[in-house]
Amino acid sequence: MRFTYSDFNLSFELKENETVVVIVENQSLFSEMVGELVNQCSGQEGRFVLADVEKIKNISKEVQLIINPFAVDCNEKKILQKLYQEIETVGLEDYIEDINMLHSEVLSCLDKLSASVPYAVSYSIDLNLSAILKAYSFQIDTKANNLLESLTNYLRILNQLCHINIFCFVNLKTFLSDEEMMQLYEFAFYQKIYLILLENIQKNTLKGEKTCIVDTDQCIININ
């Protein structure tokens, strides 16, 4: 799989057991590239291209952009939607009798409640399992003692539930030590997750990184 920024001769292959680090020293260009990714991950058109064997892939469905690592949420909307879909599928395949019994009990309770008030009331009987899960705040229970644990939890859940395996971070090395970065790489490599780091300042080059620099004159320098 290849990730390309079409305005430059900036293109890199995503490989297993390798993290791509792109250091953009020109601040205007760095801002422009991050803005492009924000738009494309939201479904808009842009200048980044993700291709696999000459097939163009939809970045908004394939790539998760993380600008603020402290704001990752393992119970964000798209994750819960996938969770509810998965549970509903399992429920309809393996627990249909339990679900029907639950619906019967709920309807019986609603009948009693409606009969207890002196008004004419109505309600919908189209009660699906997702609605029940939502009503009871059914969510993923994740606990993290630090930022690294929070990120690994988030990557694992998005990878397993939403089948996203490309994660792009902005200035992640500002927040994690070299040791923590190596732990994150080890986790990602084991899970076959591709990492792309967009940085605006060069820091220590770590094992497993493929690094290139776009300098202040917008020249591309390949480090390794």
Foldseek 3Di string as FASTA:
>chain_A
DKKDQQVDPDIDDFDFLFAEEEAEQAPVVLVVVVVQLVQQLVPDDHRMFDDDPNHTDRCVQAEAEDEDLVPQDCFDDVLLVLVQVVVLVCCVVPPVVVVVVVLVVVVVVVVVVCVVDPDDDDDDSPDGSSNVCVVVVPGDDDDDPDSLSSVLVRQVSCCVRSVHQEYEYEQVCVPDPPVSVVVSSVSSSVVVHYYYYYYHDDDDDDPRYFYWYLHNVRDIGTDD
